[in-house]
Amino acid sequence: MVDVRPYKRLQHLCPQCGKNCPGYDRGGRPARTWRALDWGDVLVYLRYAPPRIQCPEHGVVTASVPWAYPGAHCPSHAHRLGNRPPVRRACQ
């Protein structure tokens, strides 16, 4: 389990419009986990508790994180890799 935190400038982005918004609260909510790419035989999970933000357009929402699409359980780079053919088939 790897505890992560986005750069300060990316911590309060609205997931719908992408605007930087003021914080609303930390809410004391539990941290979320995302499955990341494994490091060899080691299973890797990212852990972070995104804050809630006050978007003037969309109201109170959970801030987006730069490593995952909204609602995803794995990082965005893992989605892109899932669309690639297996190495054996790609090399034929």
C-alpha atoms as a PDB file:
ATOM      1  CA  MET A   1       0.000   0.000   0.000  1.00  0.00           C
ATOM      2  CA  VAL A   2       1.454   3.345  -1.076  1.00  0.00           C
ATOM      3  CA  ASP A   3       0.080   6.541   0.465  1.00  0.00           C
ATOM      4  CA  VAL A   4      -0.027   9.196  -2.254  1.00  0.00           C
ATOM      5  CA  ARG A   5      -0.999  12.856  -2.513  1.00  0.00           C
ATOM      6  CA  PRO A   6      -1.358  14.978  -5.669  1.00  0.00           C
ATOM      7  CA  TYR A   7       0.662  18.136  -6.186  1.00  0.00           C
ATOM      8  CA  LYS A   8      -0.867  21.065  -4.302  1.00  0.00           C
ATOM      9  CA  ARG A   9      -2.062  22.717  -7.533  1.00  0.00           C
ATOM     10  CA  LEU A  10      -3.997  19.529  -8.430  1.00  0.00           C
ATOM     11  CA  GLN A  11      -5.616  18.840  -5.034  1.00  0.00           C
ATOM     12  CA  HIS A  12      -8.857  20.806  -5.463  1.00  0.00           C
ATOM     13  CA  LEU A  13      -9.987  20.160  -9.044  1.00  0.00           C
ATOM     14  CA  CYS A  14     -13.669  19.638  -9.830  1.00  0.00           C
ATOM     15  CA  PRO A  15     -14.153  16.228 -11.504  1.00  0.00           C
ATOM     16  CA  GLN A  16     -16.806  17.638 -13.854  1.00  0.00           C
ATOM     17  CA  CYS A  17     -15.418  20.978 -15.055  1.00  0.00           C
ATOM     18  CA  GLY A  18     -11.724  20.727 -14.052  1.00  0.00           C
ATOM     19  CA  LYS A  19     -11.694  24.122 -12.305  1.00  0.00           C
ATOM     20  CA  ASN A  20      -9.609  24.709  -9.190  1.00  0.00           C
ATOM     21  CA  CYS A  21     -12.132  25.194  -6.351  1.00  0.00           C
ATOM     22  CA  PRO A  22     -11.944  26.075  -2.652  1.00  0.00           C
ATOM     23  CA  GLY A  23     -11.960  23.240  -0.148  1.00  0.00           C
ATOM     24  CA  TYR A  24     -15.202  22.364   1.612  1.00  0.00           C
ATOM     25  CA  ASP A  25     -14.091  19.848   4.255  1.00  0.00           C
ATOM     26  CA  ARG A  26     -11.941  16.787   4.798  1.00  0.00           C
ATOM     27  CA  GLY A  27     -15.005  14.998   6.142  1.00  0.00           C
ATOM     28  CA  GLY A  28     -13.098  12.387   8.139  1.00  0.00           C
ATOM     29  CA  ARG A  29     -13.981   9.919   5.403  1.00  0.00           C
ATOM     30  CA  PRO A  30     -11.855   6.805   4.929  1.00  0.00           C
ATOM     31  CA  ALA A  31      -9.150   6.795   2.286  1.00  0.00           C
ATOM     32  CA  ARG A  32      -9.893   5.295  -1.119  1.00  0.00           C
ATOM     33  CA  THR A  33      -7.654   2.734  -2.771  1.00  0.00           C
ATOM     34  CA  TRP A  34      -6.796   2.276  -6.432  1.00  0.00           C
ATOM     35  CA  ARG A  35      -5.090  -0.770  -7.896  1.00  0.00           C
ATOM     36  CA  ALA A  36      -1.857   0.266  -9.621  1.00  0.00           C
ATOM     37  CA  LEU A  37       0.464  -1.615 -11.928  1.00  0.00           C
ATOM     38  CA  ASP A  38       2.382  -4.331 -10.094  1.00  0.00           C
ATOM     39  CA  TRP A  39       6.107  -4.060  -9.442  1.00  0.00           C
ATOM     40  CA  GLY A  40       7.190  -7.519 -10.470  1.00  0.00           C
ATOM     41  CA  ASP A  41       5.523  -9.914  -8.031  1.00  0.00           C
ATOM     42  CA  VAL A  42       4.458  -7.114  -5.661  1.00  0.00           C
ATOM     43  CA  LEU A  43       0.807  -6.031  -5.768  1.00  0.00           C
ATOM     44  CA  VAL A  44       0.589  -2.232  -5.613  1.00  0.00           C
ATOM     45  CA  TYR A  45      -2.321  -0.178  -4.294  1.00  0.00           C
ATOM     46  CA  LEU A  46      -2.500   3.625  -4.070  1.00  0.00           C
ATOM     47  CA  ARG A  47      -4.259   5.116  -1.026  1.00  0.00           C
ATOM     48  CA  TYR A  48      -5.563   8.683  -0.659  1.00  0.00           C
ATOM     49  CA  ALA A  49      -8.519  10.465   0.944  1.00  0.00           C
ATOM     50  CA  PRO A  50      -9.586  13.162  -1.543  1.00  0.00           C
ATOM     51  CA  PRO A  51     -11.185  16.230   0.066  1.00  0.00           C
ATOM     52  CA  ARG A  52     -14.624  17.543  -0.791  1.00  0.00           C
ATOM     53  CA  ILE A  53     -14.634  20.857  -2.637  1.00  0.00           C
ATOM     54  CA  GLN A  54     -17.187  23.615  -3.253  1.00  0.00           C
ATOM     55  CA  CYS A  55     -17.501  24.107  -7.015  1.00  0.00           C
ATOM     56  CA  PRO A  56     -19.485  27.255  -7.893  1.00  0.00           C
ATOM     57  CA  GLU A  57     -21.011  25.395 -10.843  1.00  0.00           C
ATOM     58  CA  HIS A  58     -21.551  21.854  -9.453  1.00  0.00           C
ATOM     59  CA  GLY A  59     -21.842  22.366  -5.680  1.00  0.00           C
ATOM     60  CA  VAL A  60     -20.097  20.174  -3.117  1.00  0.00           C
ATOM     61  CA  VAL A  61     -18.255  17.307  -4.844  1.00  0.00           C
ATOM     62  CA  THR A  62     -15.299  15.046  -4.118  1.00  0.00           C
ATOM     63  CA  ALA A  63     -12.128  16.425  -5.707  1.00  0.00           C
ATOM     64  CA  SER A  64     -10.726  14.534  -8.664  1.00  0.00           C
ATOM     65  CA  VAL A  65      -7.355  12.820  -8.505  1.00  0.00           C
ATOM     66  CA  PRO A  66      -4.875  13.096 -11.396  1.00  0.00           C
ATOM     67  CA  TRP A  67      -4.063   9.372 -11.514  1.00  0.00           C
ATOM     68  CA  ALA A  68      -7.604   8.015 -12.077  1.00  0.00           C
ATOM     69  CA  TYR A  69     -10.713   8.691 -14.107  1.00  0.00           C
ATOM     70  CA  PRO A  70     -13.801   9.629 -12.025  1.00  0.00           C
ATOM     71  CA  GLY A  71     -15.328   6.476 -10.519  1.00  0.00           C
ATOM     72  CA  ALA A  72     -12.428   4.235 -11.556  1.00  0.00           C
ATOM     73  CA  HIS A  73     -10.859   1.667  -9.238  1.00  0.00           C
ATOM     74  CA  CYS A  74      -7.508   1.610 -11.016  1.00  0.00           C
ATOM     75  CA  PRO A  75      -5.223   4.402 -12.256  1.00  0.00           C
ATOM     76  CA  SER A  76      -5.801   5.881 -15.702  1.00  0.00           C
ATOM     77  CA  HIS A  77      -2.550   4.397 -17.056  1.00  0.00           C
ATOM     78  CA  ALA A  78      -3.812   0.899 -16.192  1.00  0.00           C
ATOM     79  CA  HIS A  79      -6.930   1.478 -18.332  1.00  0.00           C
ATOM     80  CA  ARG A  80      -4.746   2.429 -21.277  1.00  0.00           C
ATOM     81  CA  LEU A  81      -2.586  -0.682 -20.847  1.00  0.00           C
ATOM     82  CA  GLY A  82      -5.680  -2.873 -20.710  1.00  0.00           C
ATOM     83  CA  ASN A  83      -6.393  -2.017 -24.342  1.00  0.00           C
ATOM     84  CA  ARG A  84      -3.059  -3.347 -25.582  1.00  0.00           C
ATOM     85  CA  PRO A  85      -2.675  -6.864 -26.965  1.00  0.00           C
ATOM     86  CA  PRO A  86      -0.561  -9.390 -25.036  1.00  0.00           C
ATOM     87  CA  VAL A  87       3.166  -9.219 -25.810  1.00  0.00           C
ATOM     88  CA  ARG A  88       3.175 -12.651 -27.457  1.00  0.00           C
ATOM     89  CA  ARG A  89       0.404 -11.664 -29.892  1.00  0.00           C
ATOM     90  CA  ALA A  90       1.917  -8.221 -30.581  1.00  0.00           C
ATOM     91  CA  CYS A  91       5.285  -9.781 -31.493  1.00  0.00           C
ATOM     92  CA  GLN A  92       3.875 -12.289 -34.010  1.00  0.00           C
END
